[in-house]
Amino acid sequence: MIVTLYTRAGCHLCEVARGVVERVAAGRAEVELVDIDTDPQLLERYTVRVPVVAVDGREIAEYEVDAAQLEAALAGWRRR
């Protein structure tokens, strides 16, 4: 299972989201950090929406990442 965090430099909410994602996913999922500024397509898609969290490619949160929401998403994926 991969948790992807779409982020960008200078984004305070992204820093907060990273802490939540790393804490909740620790030992349960691989965390992939993606800087949208390095890819023109991602930049166009996520310009003002970051941070965005996806679990195995499915977006589950944007702007604010709630630990309980991420916990539930990870638990749901495991049962599949």
C-alpha atoms as a PDB file:
ATOM      1  CA  MET A   1       0.000   0.000   0.000  1.00  0.00           C
ATOM      2  CA  ILE A   2       1.312   3.445  -0.912  1.00  0.00           C
ATOM      3  CA  VAL A   3       0.242   6.733   0.655  1.00  0.00           C
ATOM      4  CA  THR A   4       1.133   9.609  -1.647  1.00  0.00           C
ATOM      5  CA  LEU A   5       1.345  13.161  -0.360  1.00  0.00           C
ATOM      6  CA  TYR A   6       1.276  15.818  -3.071  1.00  0.00           C
ATOM      7  CA  THR A   7       3.038  18.861  -1.703  1.00  0.00           C
ATOM      8  CA  ARG A   8       5.100  21.913  -2.596  1.00  0.00           C
ATOM      9  CA  ALA A   9       7.797  24.049  -0.998  1.00  0.00           C
ATOM     10  CA  GLY A  10       6.621  26.834   1.281  1.00  0.00           C
ATOM     11  CA  CYS A  11       3.258  25.195   1.979  1.00  0.00           C
ATOM     12  CA  HIS A  12       2.593  25.234   5.730  1.00  0.00           C
ATOM     13  CA  LEU A  13      -0.412  22.913   5.446  1.00  0.00           C
ATOM     14  CA  CYS A  14       1.826  20.500   3.530  1.00  0.00           C
ATOM     15  CA  GLU A  15       4.288  20.402   6.414  1.00  0.00           C
ATOM     16  CA  VAL A  16       1.475  19.646   8.861  1.00  0.00           C
ATOM     17  CA  ALA A  17       0.051  16.976   6.538  1.00  0.00           C
ATOM     18  CA  ARG A  18       3.452  15.334   6.190  1.00  0.00           C
ATOM     19  CA  GLY A  19       3.682  14.890   9.947  1.00  0.00           C
ATOM     20  CA  VAL A  20       0.217  13.325  10.095  1.00  0.00           C
ATOM     21  CA  VAL A  21       0.851  11.039   7.118  1.00  0.00           C
ATOM     22  CA  GLU A  22       4.237   9.846   8.366  1.00  0.00           C
ATOM     23  CA  ARG A  23       2.896   9.184  11.865  1.00  0.00           C
ATOM     24  CA  VAL A  24      -0.247   7.337  10.786  1.00  0.00           C
ATOM     25  CA  ALA A  25       1.361   5.358   7.950  1.00  0.00           C
ATOM     26  CA  ALA A  26       4.462   4.307   9.916  1.00  0.00           C
ATOM     27  CA  GLY A  27       4.855   0.551   9.636  1.00  0.00           C
ATOM     28  CA  ARG A  28       1.580   0.241   7.725  1.00  0.00           C
ATOM     29  CA  ALA A  29       2.220   1.766   4.315  1.00  0.00           C
ATOM     30  CA  GLU A  30       4.947   3.205   2.154  1.00  0.00           C
ATOM     31  CA  VAL A  31       4.897   7.021   2.062  1.00  0.00           C
ATOM     32  CA  GLU A  32       5.691   8.778  -1.189  1.00  0.00           C
ATOM     33  CA  LEU A  33       6.232  12.555  -1.164  1.00  0.00           C
ATOM     34  CA  VAL A  34       5.614  14.255  -4.506  1.00  0.00           C
ATOM     35  CA  ASP A  35       6.598  17.882  -5.090  1.00  0.00           C
ATOM     36  CA  ILE A  36       4.058  19.163  -7.620  1.00  0.00           C
ATOM     37  CA  ASP A  37       6.431  21.928  -8.709  1.00  0.00           C
ATOM     38  CA  THR A  38       8.676  19.337 -10.404  1.00  0.00           C
ATOM     39  CA  ASP A  39       6.008  18.131 -12.846  1.00  0.00           C
ATOM     40  CA  PRO A  40       4.033  20.521 -15.088  1.00  0.00           C
ATOM     41  CA  GLN A  41       0.999  18.199 -15.222  1.00  0.00           C
ATOM     42  CA  LEU A  42       0.849  17.839 -11.454  1.00  0.00           C
ATOM     43  CA  LEU A  43       1.343  21.569 -11.033  1.00  0.00           C
ATOM     44  CA  GLU A  44      -1.612  22.243 -13.313  1.00  0.00           C
ATOM     45  CA  ARG A  45      -3.783  19.669 -11.529  1.00  0.00           C
ATOM     46  CA  TYR A  46      -2.949  20.552  -7.920  1.00  0.00           C
ATOM     47  CA  THR A  47      -1.809  24.198  -8.047  1.00  0.00           C
ATOM     48  CA  VAL A  48      -3.924  25.473  -5.148  1.00  0.00           C
ATOM     49  CA  ARG A  49      -5.236  22.155  -3.797  1.00  0.00           C
ATOM     50  CA  VAL A  50      -2.162  20.975  -1.879  1.00  0.00           C
ATOM     51  CA  PRO A  51      -1.680  19.110   0.256  1.00  0.00           C
ATOM     52  CA  VAL A  52      -3.497  16.166  -1.308  1.00  0.00           C
ATOM     53  CA  VAL A  53      -3.279  12.640   0.096  1.00  0.00           C
ATOM     54  CA  ALA A  54      -3.931   9.546  -1.998  1.00  0.00           C
ATOM     55  CA  VAL A  55      -3.949   5.911  -0.922  1.00  0.00           C
ATOM     56  CA  ASP A  56      -2.977   3.591  -3.762  1.00  0.00           C
ATOM     57  CA  GLY A  57      -3.866   6.331  -6.232  1.00  0.00           C
ATOM     58  CA  ARG A  58      -7.267   7.242  -4.769  1.00  0.00           C
ATOM     59  CA  GLU A  59      -7.457  10.766  -3.360  1.00  0.00           C
ATOM     60  CA  ILE A  60      -8.832  10.785   0.175  1.00  0.00           C
ATOM     61  CA  ALA A  61      -8.011  14.271   1.485  1.00  0.00           C
ATOM     62  CA  GLU A  62      -6.956  17.739   0.455  1.00  0.00           C
ATOM     63  CA  TYR A  63      -5.933  20.891   2.328  1.00  0.00           C
ATOM     64  CA  GLU A  64      -6.239  19.401   5.823  1.00  0.00           C
ATOM     65  CA  VAL A  65      -5.353  15.806   6.573  1.00  0.00           C
ATOM     66  CA  ASP A  66      -7.258  14.279   9.451  1.00  0.00           C
ATOM     67  CA  ALA A  67      -5.458  11.422  11.225  1.00  0.00           C
ATOM     68  CA  ALA A  68      -8.704   9.536  11.882  1.00  0.00           C
ATOM     69  CA  GLN A  69      -9.701   9.802   8.223  1.00  0.00           C
ATOM     70  CA  LEU A  70      -6.335   8.436   7.109  1.00  0.00           C
ATOM     71  CA  GLU A  71      -6.503   5.659   9.728  1.00  0.00           C
ATOM     72  CA  ALA A  72      -9.927   4.639   8.414  1.00  0.00           C
ATOM     73  CA  ALA A  73      -8.720   4.690   4.815  1.00  0.00           C
ATOM     74  CA  LEU A  74      -5.726   2.503   5.635  1.00  0.00           C
ATOM     75  CA  ALA A  75      -7.884   0.074   7.623  1.00  0.00           C
ATOM     76  CA  GLY A  76     -10.373  -0.118   4.762  1.00  0.00           C
ATOM     77  CA  TRP A  77      -7.656  -0.866   2.226  1.00  0.00           C
ATOM     78  CA  ARG A  78      -6.287  -3.693   4.346  1.00  0.00           C
ATOM     79  CA  ARG A  79      -9.648  -5.454   4.411  1.00  0.00           C
ATOM     80  CA  ARG A  80      -9.827  -5.580   0.610  1.00  0.00           C
END
